[in-house]
Amino acid sequence: MYQSYTSVGKNMPAILRPSFLYLEVDDLNVIKAAVSDAEVYTPERTTFHGSREIGVKDPTGDFIIFAHFAAPAPA
């Protein structure tokens, strides 16, 4: 995903090292348990585009957003 600096600035605090990774995952609850010791910079939220996501800072100082999109309702 490409995101503008303006958009990032609205979602995150001032960041000195602009290294970001956006990952879609199958189960956000599993990810939250796996990264429970990580620094959270974006608390869990639901975005305007329908993903449930959380942002964490990894031990090297990079920023990772994990996002889960719910399966569409059956037609």
N, C-alpha and C. Protein backbone atom coordinates (compact mmCIF):
# COMPACT_ATOMS: atom_id res chain seq x y z
N MET A 1 0.84 -1.16 0.00
CA MET A 1 0.00 0.00 0.00
C MET A 1 0.90 1.24 0.00
N TYR A 2 0.60 2.18 -0.85
CA TYR A 2 1.28 3.47 -0.83
C TYR A 2 0.41 4.45 -0.07
N GLN A 3 1.04 5.25 0.75
CA GLN A 3 0.29 6.23 1.54
C GLN A 3 1.07 7.53 1.50
N SER A 4 0.37 8.65 1.37
CA SER A 4 1.04 9.94 1.32
C SER A 4 1.55 10.33 2.72
N TYR A 5 2.57 11.18 2.76
CA TYR A 5 3.07 11.66 4.04
C TYR A 5 1.98 12.40 4.79
N THR A 6 1.13 13.14 4.08
CA THR A 6 0.03 13.86 4.73
C THR A 6 -0.91 12.88 5.41
N SER A 7 -1.26 11.80 4.72
CA SER A 7 -2.14 10.80 5.30
C SER A 7 -1.50 10.12 6.50
N VAL A 8 -0.23 9.76 6.37
CA VAL A 8 0.49 9.14 7.49
C VAL A 8 0.52 10.08 8.68
N GLY A 9 0.76 11.35 8.43
CA GLY A 9 0.82 12.34 9.50
C GLY A 9 -0.46 12.44 10.29
N LYS A 10 -1.59 12.20 9.64
CA LYS A 10 -2.88 12.23 10.32
C LYS A 10 -3.09 10.99 11.20
N ASN A 11 -2.45 9.88 10.84
CA ASN A 11 -2.66 8.62 11.54
C ASN A 11 -1.64 8.33 12.63
N MET A 12 -0.49 8.97 12.58
CA MET A 12 0.61 8.59 13.48
C MET A 12 1.28 9.80 14.09
N PRO A 13 1.93 9.59 15.22
CA PRO A 13 2.72 10.69 15.80
C PRO A 13 3.94 10.98 14.92
N ALA A 14 4.64 12.05 15.26
CA ALA A 14 5.86 12.39 14.50
C ALA A 14 6.83 11.21 14.56
N ILE A 15 7.35 10.84 13.42
CA ILE A 15 8.20 9.66 13.32
C ILE A 15 9.54 10.08 12.72
N LEU A 16 10.60 9.69 13.37
CA LEU A 16 11.93 10.05 12.89
C LEU A 16 12.42 9.12 11.79
N ARG A 17 12.00 7.89 11.80
CA ARG A 17 12.48 6.90 10.83
C ARG A 17 11.28 6.43 10.01
N PRO A 18 11.06 7.00 8.86
CA PRO A 18 9.86 6.64 8.10
C PRO A 18 9.98 5.32 7.35
N SER A 19 10.03 4.22 8.10
CA SER A 19 10.03 2.91 7.50
C SER A 19 8.77 2.19 7.94
N PHE A 20 7.87 1.91 6.98
CA PHE A 20 6.56 1.38 7.30
C PHE A 20 6.27 0.11 6.50
N LEU A 21 5.55 -0.79 7.13
CA LEU A 21 5.12 -2.00 6.46
C LEU A 21 3.65 -2.21 6.77
N TYR A 22 2.85 -2.47 5.75
CA TYR A 22 1.42 -2.70 5.91
C TYR A 22 1.16 -4.14 5.48
N LEU A 23 0.63 -4.95 6.41
CA LEU A 23 0.40 -6.37 6.13
C LEU A 23 -1.06 -6.72 6.36
N GLU A 24 -1.66 -7.40 5.40
CA GLU A 24 -2.99 -7.96 5.60
C GLU A 24 -2.83 -9.34 6.21
N VAL A 25 -3.61 -9.61 7.27
CA VAL A 25 -3.50 -10.87 7.99
C VAL A 25 -4.86 -11.55 8.05
N ASP A 26 -4.84 -12.87 8.28
CA ASP A 26 -6.07 -13.64 8.35
C ASP A 26 -6.78 -13.50 9.70
N ASP A 27 -6.02 -13.29 10.77
CA ASP A 27 -6.61 -13.24 12.11
C ASP A 27 -5.87 -12.21 12.95
N LEU A 28 -6.49 -11.07 13.16
CA LEU A 28 -5.84 -10.00 13.91
C LEU A 28 -5.63 -10.39 15.37
N ASN A 29 -6.51 -11.20 15.93
CA ASN A 29 -6.36 -11.60 17.33
C ASN A 29 -5.09 -12.42 17.54
N VAL A 30 -4.76 -13.27 16.59
CA VAL A 30 -3.52 -14.05 16.69
C VAL A 30 -2.32 -13.11 16.64
N ILE A 31 -2.36 -12.14 15.76
CA ILE A 31 -1.26 -11.18 15.63
C ILE A 31 -1.12 -10.37 16.91
N LYS A 32 -2.24 -9.89 17.45
CA LYS A 32 -2.18 -9.09 18.68
C LYS A 32 -1.53 -9.87 19.81
N ALA A 33 -1.83 -11.15 19.91
CA ALA A 33 -1.19 -11.98 20.94
C ALA A 33 0.30 -12.11 20.68
N ALA A 34 0.68 -12.26 19.42
CA ALA A 34 2.09 -12.45 19.05
C ALA A 34 2.93 -11.19 19.29
N VAL A 35 2.32 -10.02 19.18
CA VAL A 35 3.06 -8.77 19.33
C VAL A 35 2.69 -8.04 20.63
N SER A 36 2.19 -8.78 21.60
CA SER A 36 1.69 -8.15 22.83
C SER A 36 2.76 -7.37 23.59
N ASP A 37 4.03 -7.70 23.39
CA ASP A 37 5.10 -6.96 24.06
C ASP A 37 5.61 -5.77 23.26
N ALA A 38 5.14 -5.62 22.04
CA ALA A 38 5.60 -4.53 21.18
C ALA A 38 4.95 -3.21 21.58
N GLU A 39 5.65 -2.13 21.24
CA GLU A 39 5.10 -0.79 21.47
C GLU A 39 3.99 -0.54 20.46
N VAL A 40 2.80 -0.22 20.94
CA VAL A 40 1.67 0.08 20.06
C VAL A 40 1.68 1.57 19.76
N TYR A 41 1.70 1.92 18.47
CA TYR A 41 1.64 3.34 18.10
C TYR A 41 0.30 3.71 17.50
N THR A 42 -0.44 2.73 17.03
CA THR A 42 -1.81 2.95 16.58
C THR A 42 -2.68 1.90 17.25
N PRO A 43 -3.48 2.31 18.25
CA PRO A 43 -4.35 1.33 18.92
C PRO A 43 -5.32 0.71 17.91
N GLU A 44 -5.83 -0.45 18.27
CA GLU A 44 -6.75 -1.13 17.36
C GLU A 44 -7.89 -0.19 16.96
N ARG A 45 -8.21 -0.24 15.69
CA ARG A 45 -9.28 0.61 15.15
C ARG A 45 -9.88 -0.06 13.92
N THR A 46 -11.01 0.45 13.51
CA THR A 46 -11.61 0.04 12.25
C THR A 46 -11.52 1.24 11.32
N THR A 47 -10.96 1.03 10.14
CA THR A 47 -10.73 2.13 9.21
C THR A 47 -11.95 2.39 8.33
N PHE A 48 -11.90 3.52 7.63
CA PHE A 48 -12.99 3.87 6.71
C PHE A 48 -13.10 2.87 5.57
N HIS A 49 -12.01 2.16 5.25
CA HIS A 49 -12.07 1.19 4.15
C HIS A 49 -12.37 -0.22 4.64
N GLY A 50 -12.74 -0.36 5.92
CA GLY A 50 -13.28 -1.62 6.42
C GLY A 50 -12.30 -2.60 7.03
N SER A 51 -11.07 -2.19 7.28
CA SER A 51 -10.15 -3.12 7.93
C SER A 51 -10.08 -2.85 9.43
N ARG A 52 -9.89 -3.91 10.18
CA ARG A 52 -9.55 -3.81 11.60
C ARG A 52 -8.04 -3.86 11.63
N GLU A 53 -7.40 -2.90 12.30
CA GLU A 53 -5.95 -2.88 12.26
C GLU A 53 -5.35 -2.37 13.55
N ILE A 54 -4.06 -2.70 13.71
CA ILE A 54 -3.28 -2.22 14.84
C ILE A 54 -1.88 -1.92 14.30
N GLY A 55 -1.26 -0.88 14.85
CA GLY A 55 0.10 -0.52 14.44
C GLY A 55 1.07 -0.69 15.58
N VAL A 56 2.18 -1.36 15.33
CA VAL A 56 3.20 -1.58 16.35
C VAL A 56 4.56 -1.16 15.81
N LYS A 57 5.48 -0.91 16.76
CA LYS A 57 6.85 -0.59 16.43
C LYS A 57 7.68 -1.83 16.73
N ASP A 58 8.46 -2.28 15.77
CA ASP A 58 9.26 -3.49 16.00
C ASP A 58 10.56 -3.13 16.74
N PRO A 59 11.31 -4.14 17.21
CA PRO A 59 12.51 -3.86 18.00
C PRO A 59 13.58 -3.03 17.28
N THR A 60 13.56 -3.01 15.96
CA THR A 60 14.56 -2.22 15.22
C THR A 60 14.09 -0.79 14.95
N GLY A 61 12.86 -0.47 15.36
CA GLY A 61 12.35 0.89 15.18
C GLY A 61 11.48 1.08 13.96
N ASP A 62 11.19 0.03 13.25
CA ASP A 62 10.29 0.13 12.09
C ASP A 62 8.84 0.03 12.54
N PHE A 63 7.95 0.54 11.72
CA PHE A 63 6.53 0.59 12.05
C PHE A 63 5.76 -0.38 11.17
N ILE A 64 4.91 -1.18 11.79
CA ILE A 64 4.16 -2.20 11.06
C ILE A 64 2.68 -2.05 11.40
N ILE A 65 1.86 -2.01 10.35
CA ILE A 65 0.41 -2.06 10.55
C ILE A 65 -0.05 -3.44 10.10
N PHE A 66 -0.78 -4.11 10.98
CA PHE A 66 -1.41 -5.39 10.66
C PHE A 66 -2.89 -5.12 10.46
N ALA A 67 -3.43 -5.54 9.34
CA ALA A 67 -4.82 -5.25 9.01
C ALA A 67 -5.57 -6.53 8.63
N HIS A 68 -6.81 -6.61 9.08
CA HIS A 68 -7.67 -7.74 8.76
C HIS A 68 -8.95 -7.20 8.13
N PHE A 69 -9.30 -7.76 6.98
CA PHE A 69 -10.55 -7.41 6.32
C PHE A 69 -11.52 -8.55 6.53
N ALA A 70 -12.70 -8.25 7.05
CA ALA A 70 -13.72 -9.27 7.25
C ALA A 70 -14.17 -9.83 5.91
N ALA A 71 -14.53 -11.09 5.91
CA ALA A 71 -15.03 -11.72 4.69
C ALA A 71 -16.35 -11.04 4.33
N PRO A 72 -16.59 -10.83 3.03
CA PRO A 72 -17.86 -10.22 2.62
C PRO A 72 -19.02 -11.13 2.98
N ALA A 73 -20.14 -10.51 3.29
CA ALA A 73 -21.35 -11.27 3.60
C ALA A 73 -21.79 -12.06 2.36
N PRO A 74 -22.29 -13.28 2.56
CA PRO A 74 -22.77 -14.06 1.41
C PRO A 74 -23.92 -13.35 0.71
N ALA A 75 -23.96 -13.48 -0.59
CA ALA A 75 -25.01 -12.80 -1.37
C ALA A 75 -26.30 -13.57 -1.34
